[in-house]
């Protein structure tokens, strides 16, 4: 009559095993995340922003309606080395 009234039964052992795996997984995940946050940033991990091209800045100003179409074309021609076209 073992396991009928005084034992955990099959589901008790299954739930205990699953909870043990979950607890150890949480502990290991916490240690890994803590180690990553304490690690010094790598100089190779960050990528600097590429320099902005003058034509891109001009196109952004045109898109924000800070300049009109004729002024955009004139300034773009100057940037490309064709002033007065």
N, C-alpha and C. Protein backbone atom coordinates (compact mmCIF):
# COMPACT_ATOMS: atom_id res chain seq x y z
N UNK A 1 0.80 -1.18 0.00
CA UNK A 1 0.00 0.00 0.00
C UNK A 1 0.85 1.26 0.00
N UNK A 2 2.07 1.15 -0.36
CA UNK A 2 2.96 2.30 -0.39
C UNK A 2 2.52 3.27 -1.49
N UNK A 3 2.52 4.57 -1.18
CA UNK A 3 2.22 5.58 -2.18
C UNK A 3 0.76 5.95 -2.29
N UNK A 4 -0.10 5.31 -1.51
CA UNK A 4 -1.50 5.66 -1.63
C UNK A 4 -1.87 6.84 -0.75
N UNK A 5 -1.44 6.89 0.48
CA UNK A 5 -1.86 7.96 1.37
C UNK A 5 -0.71 8.77 1.95
N UNK A 6 0.46 8.21 2.01
CA UNK A 6 1.54 8.91 2.69
C UNK A 6 2.65 9.36 1.75
N UNK A 7 2.59 9.07 0.47
CA UNK A 7 3.64 9.46 -0.46
C UNK A 7 3.18 10.57 -1.39
N UNK A 8 4.15 11.11 -2.16
CA UNK A 8 3.82 12.18 -3.10
C UNK A 8 3.10 11.65 -4.32
N UNK A 9 3.34 10.43 -4.66
CA UNK A 9 2.73 9.88 -5.86
C UNK A 9 3.53 10.29 -7.09
N UNK A 10 3.12 9.79 -8.22
CA UNK A 10 3.84 10.05 -9.47
C UNK A 10 3.84 11.53 -9.83
N UNK A 11 2.70 12.21 -9.72
CA UNK A 11 2.63 13.62 -10.10
C UNK A 11 3.45 14.50 -9.16
N UNK A 12 3.58 14.11 -7.94
CA UNK A 12 4.42 14.86 -7.01
C UNK A 12 5.87 14.83 -7.43
N UNK A 13 6.36 13.66 -7.83
CA UNK A 13 7.74 13.54 -8.29
C UNK A 13 7.95 14.27 -9.62
N UNK A 14 6.97 14.20 -10.48
CA UNK A 14 7.08 14.89 -11.78
C UNK A 14 7.13 16.39 -11.56
N UNK A 15 6.24 16.92 -10.75
CA UNK A 15 6.24 18.37 -10.49
C UNK A 15 7.50 18.81 -9.76
N UNK A 16 7.99 17.98 -8.85
CA UNK A 16 9.22 18.31 -8.13
C UNK A 16 10.40 18.35 -9.11
N UNK A 17 10.46 17.42 -10.04
CA UNK A 17 11.54 17.39 -11.02
C UNK A 17 11.47 18.60 -11.94
N UNK A 18 10.28 18.94 -12.41
CA UNK A 18 10.12 20.10 -13.29
C UNK A 18 10.49 21.38 -12.55
N UNK A 19 10.06 21.52 -11.31
CA UNK A 19 10.38 22.74 -10.57
C UNK A 19 11.87 22.83 -10.29
N UNK A 20 12.54 21.70 -10.09
CA UNK A 20 13.98 21.74 -9.87
C UNK A 20 14.70 22.23 -11.13
N UNK A 21 14.27 21.76 -12.30
CA UNK A 21 14.87 22.21 -13.56
C UNK A 21 14.62 23.71 -13.76
N UNK A 22 13.41 24.17 -13.45
CA UNK A 22 13.08 25.59 -13.61
C UNK A 22 13.92 26.45 -12.67
N UNK A 23 14.07 26.03 -11.42
CA UNK A 23 14.85 26.80 -10.46
C UNK A 23 16.31 26.87 -10.88
N UNK A 24 16.89 25.73 -11.26
CA UNK A 24 18.29 25.76 -11.70
C UNK A 24 18.45 26.58 -12.98
N UNK A 25 17.48 26.51 -13.88
CA UNK A 25 17.55 27.33 -15.09
C UNK A 25 17.50 28.82 -14.77
N UNK A 26 16.67 29.20 -13.80
CA UNK A 26 16.60 30.61 -13.39
C UNK A 26 17.90 31.05 -12.74
N UNK A 27 18.49 30.20 -11.92
CA UNK A 27 19.75 30.55 -11.27
C UNK A 27 20.86 30.72 -12.31
N UNK A 28 20.98 29.79 -13.23
CA UNK A 28 22.02 29.88 -14.26
C UNK A 28 21.79 31.09 -15.15
N UNK A 29 20.54 31.35 -15.54
CA UNK A 29 20.24 32.53 -16.36
C UNK A 29 20.59 33.81 -15.62
N UNK A 30 20.28 33.88 -14.34
CA UNK A 30 20.62 35.06 -13.55
C UNK A 30 22.13 35.28 -13.47
N UNK A 31 22.89 34.21 -13.29
CA UNK A 31 24.34 34.35 -13.24
C UNK A 31 24.90 34.82 -14.57
N UNK A 32 24.39 34.27 -15.67
CA UNK A 32 24.86 34.68 -17.00
C UNK A 32 24.53 36.15 -17.26
N UNK A 33 23.31 36.56 -16.94
CA UNK A 33 22.92 37.96 -17.16
C UNK A 33 23.72 38.91 -16.28
N UNK A 34 23.99 38.51 -15.05
CA UNK A 34 24.80 39.34 -14.16
C UNK A 34 26.22 39.45 -14.68
N UNK A 35 26.78 38.36 -15.16
CA UNK A 35 28.15 38.39 -15.70
C UNK A 35 28.22 39.28 -16.94
N UNK A 36 27.19 39.22 -17.79
CA UNK A 36 27.19 40.08 -18.98
C UNK A 36 27.08 41.55 -18.62
N UNK A 37 26.30 41.86 -17.61
CA UNK A 37 26.13 43.27 -17.24
C UNK A 37 27.38 43.83 -16.55
N UNK A 38 28.14 42.99 -15.89
CA UNK A 38 29.34 43.46 -15.20
C UNK A 38 30.56 43.49 -16.09
N UNK A 39 30.50 42.80 -17.22
CA UNK A 39 31.63 42.73 -18.12
C UNK A 39 31.88 44.11 -18.75
N UNK A 40 33.14 44.46 -18.91
CA UNK A 40 33.49 45.74 -19.52
C UNK A 40 33.07 45.72 -20.99
N UNK A 41 32.59 46.83 -21.51
CA UNK A 41 32.16 46.86 -22.91
C UNK A 41 33.37 46.66 -23.83
N UNK A 42 33.16 45.89 -24.85
CA UNK A 42 34.21 45.60 -25.81
C UNK A 42 34.33 46.74 -26.81
N UNK A 43 35.55 47.14 -27.15
CA UNK A 43 35.69 48.19 -28.17
C UNK A 43 35.23 47.71 -29.54
N UNK A 44 35.16 46.41 -29.73
CA UNK A 44 34.73 45.88 -31.02
C UNK A 44 33.23 45.67 -31.09
N UNK A 45 32.55 45.76 -29.96
CA UNK A 45 31.12 45.51 -29.92
C UNK A 45 30.27 46.66 -30.42
N UNK A 46 30.78 47.88 -30.30
CA UNK A 46 30.00 49.03 -30.74
C UNK A 46 30.50 49.50 -32.10
N UNK A 47 29.57 49.84 -32.94
CA UNK A 47 29.91 50.33 -34.27
C UNK A 47 29.62 51.82 -34.32
N UNK A 48 30.60 52.63 -34.70
CA UNK A 48 30.33 54.06 -34.77
C UNK A 48 29.35 54.37 -35.90
N UNK A 49 28.62 55.45 -35.70
CA UNK A 49 27.67 55.86 -36.72
C UNK A 49 28.44 56.36 -37.94
N UNK A 50 28.00 55.99 -39.14
CA UNK A 50 28.68 56.50 -40.34
C UNK A 50 28.47 58.01 -40.45
N UNK A 51 29.44 58.69 -41.00
CA UNK A 51 29.28 60.14 -41.14
C UNK A 51 28.10 60.46 -42.06
N UNK A 52 27.41 61.53 -41.72
CA UNK A 52 26.27 61.93 -42.53
C UNK A 52 26.76 62.62 -43.79
N UNK A 53 26.17 62.27 -44.88
CA UNK A 53 26.51 62.86 -46.16
C UNK A 53 25.68 64.13 -46.32
N UNK A 54 26.31 65.16 -46.88
CA UNK A 54 25.62 66.45 -47.03
C UNK A 54 24.34 66.32 -47.85
N UNK A 55 24.36 65.45 -48.85
CA UNK A 55 23.15 65.27 -49.66
C UNK A 55 22.01 64.66 -48.83
N UNK A 56 22.36 63.79 -47.89
CA UNK A 56 21.32 63.21 -47.02
C UNK A 56 20.71 64.26 -46.11
N UNK A 57 21.55 65.15 -45.58
CA UNK A 57 21.06 66.22 -44.71
C UNK A 57 20.15 67.14 -45.51
N UNK A 58 20.55 67.45 -46.74
CA UNK A 58 19.75 68.31 -47.60
C UNK A 58 18.41 67.63 -47.92
N UNK A 59 18.43 66.33 -48.19
CA UNK A 59 17.19 65.61 -48.49
C UNK A 59 16.28 65.59 -47.27
N UNK A 60 16.85 65.46 -46.08
CA UNK A 60 16.04 65.50 -44.86
C UNK A 60 15.38 66.86 -44.67
N UNK A 61 16.13 67.92 -44.93
CA UNK A 61 15.56 69.26 -44.80
C UNK A 61 14.43 69.47 -45.81
N UNK A 62 14.61 68.92 -47.02
CA UNK A 62 13.56 69.03 -48.04
C UNK A 62 12.33 68.22 -47.60
N UNK A 63 12.55 67.06 -47.01
CA UNK A 63 11.43 66.23 -46.56
C UNK A 63 10.67 66.89 -45.41
N UNK A 64 11.38 67.65 -44.56
CA UNK A 64 10.72 68.35 -43.46
C UNK A 64 10.13 69.68 -43.90
N UNK A 65 10.20 70.00 -45.17
CA UNK A 65 9.67 71.21 -45.78
C UNK A 65 10.34 72.45 -45.20
N UNK A 66 11.61 72.35 -44.89
CA UNK A 66 12.36 73.52 -44.46
C UNK A 66 12.83 74.33 -45.67
N UNK A 67 13.00 73.65 -46.81
CA UNK A 67 13.38 74.32 -48.05
C UNK A 67 12.42 73.85 -49.14
N UNK A 68 12.28 74.69 -50.19
CA UNK A 68 11.38 74.31 -51.28
C UNK A 68 12.15 73.56 -52.37
N UNK A 69 11.44 73.15 -53.40
CA UNK A 69 12.03 72.30 -54.44
C UNK A 69 13.13 73.02 -55.21
N UNK A 70 12.93 74.28 -55.53
CA UNK A 70 13.96 75.00 -56.29
C UNK A 70 15.22 75.20 -55.46
N UNK A 71 15.07 75.52 -54.19
CA UNK A 71 16.23 75.67 -53.32
C UNK A 71 16.94 74.33 -53.14
N UNK A 72 16.17 73.25 -53.06
CA UNK A 72 16.77 71.91 -52.95
C UNK A 72 17.61 71.59 -54.18
N UNK A 73 17.04 71.85 -55.37
CA UNK A 73 17.78 71.57 -56.61
C UNK A 73 19.03 72.42 -56.71
N UNK A 74 18.93 73.72 -56.34
CA UNK A 74 20.09 74.61 -56.41
C UNK A 74 21.21 74.15 -55.47
N UNK A 75 20.85 73.82 -54.25
CA UNK A 75 21.86 73.40 -53.28
C UNK A 75 22.44 72.03 -53.64
N UNK A 76 21.62 71.16 -54.19
CA UNK A 76 22.11 69.86 -54.60
C UNK A 76 23.10 70.00 -55.76
N UNK A 77 22.82 70.92 -56.68
CA UNK A 77 23.74 71.16 -57.79
C UNK A 77 25.06 71.70 -57.28
N UNK A 78 25.03 72.58 -56.27
CA UNK A 78 26.26 73.11 -55.69
C UNK A 78 27.05 71.99 -55.01
N UNK A 79 26.37 71.13 -54.31
CA UNK A 79 27.06 70.03 -53.63
C UNK A 79 27.70 69.07 -54.64
N UNK A 80 27.05 68.87 -55.74
CA UNK A 80 27.60 67.95 -56.76
C UNK A 80 28.59 68.62 -57.69
N UNK A 81 28.85 69.88 -57.49
CA UNK A 81 29.86 70.58 -58.27
C UNK A 81 29.37 71.17 -59.57
N UNK A 82 28.07 71.41 -59.69
CA UNK A 82 27.49 72.02 -60.88
C UNK A 82 26.71 73.26 -60.50
N UNK A 83 27.37 74.30 -59.98
CA UNK A 83 26.60 75.48 -59.57
C UNK A 83 26.03 76.21 -60.78
N UNK A 84 24.87 76.78 -60.59
CA UNK A 84 24.24 77.58 -61.63
C UNK A 84 23.49 76.76 -62.68
N UNK A 85 23.27 75.46 -62.44
CA UNK A 85 22.54 74.66 -63.41
C UNK A 85 21.10 74.55 -63.07
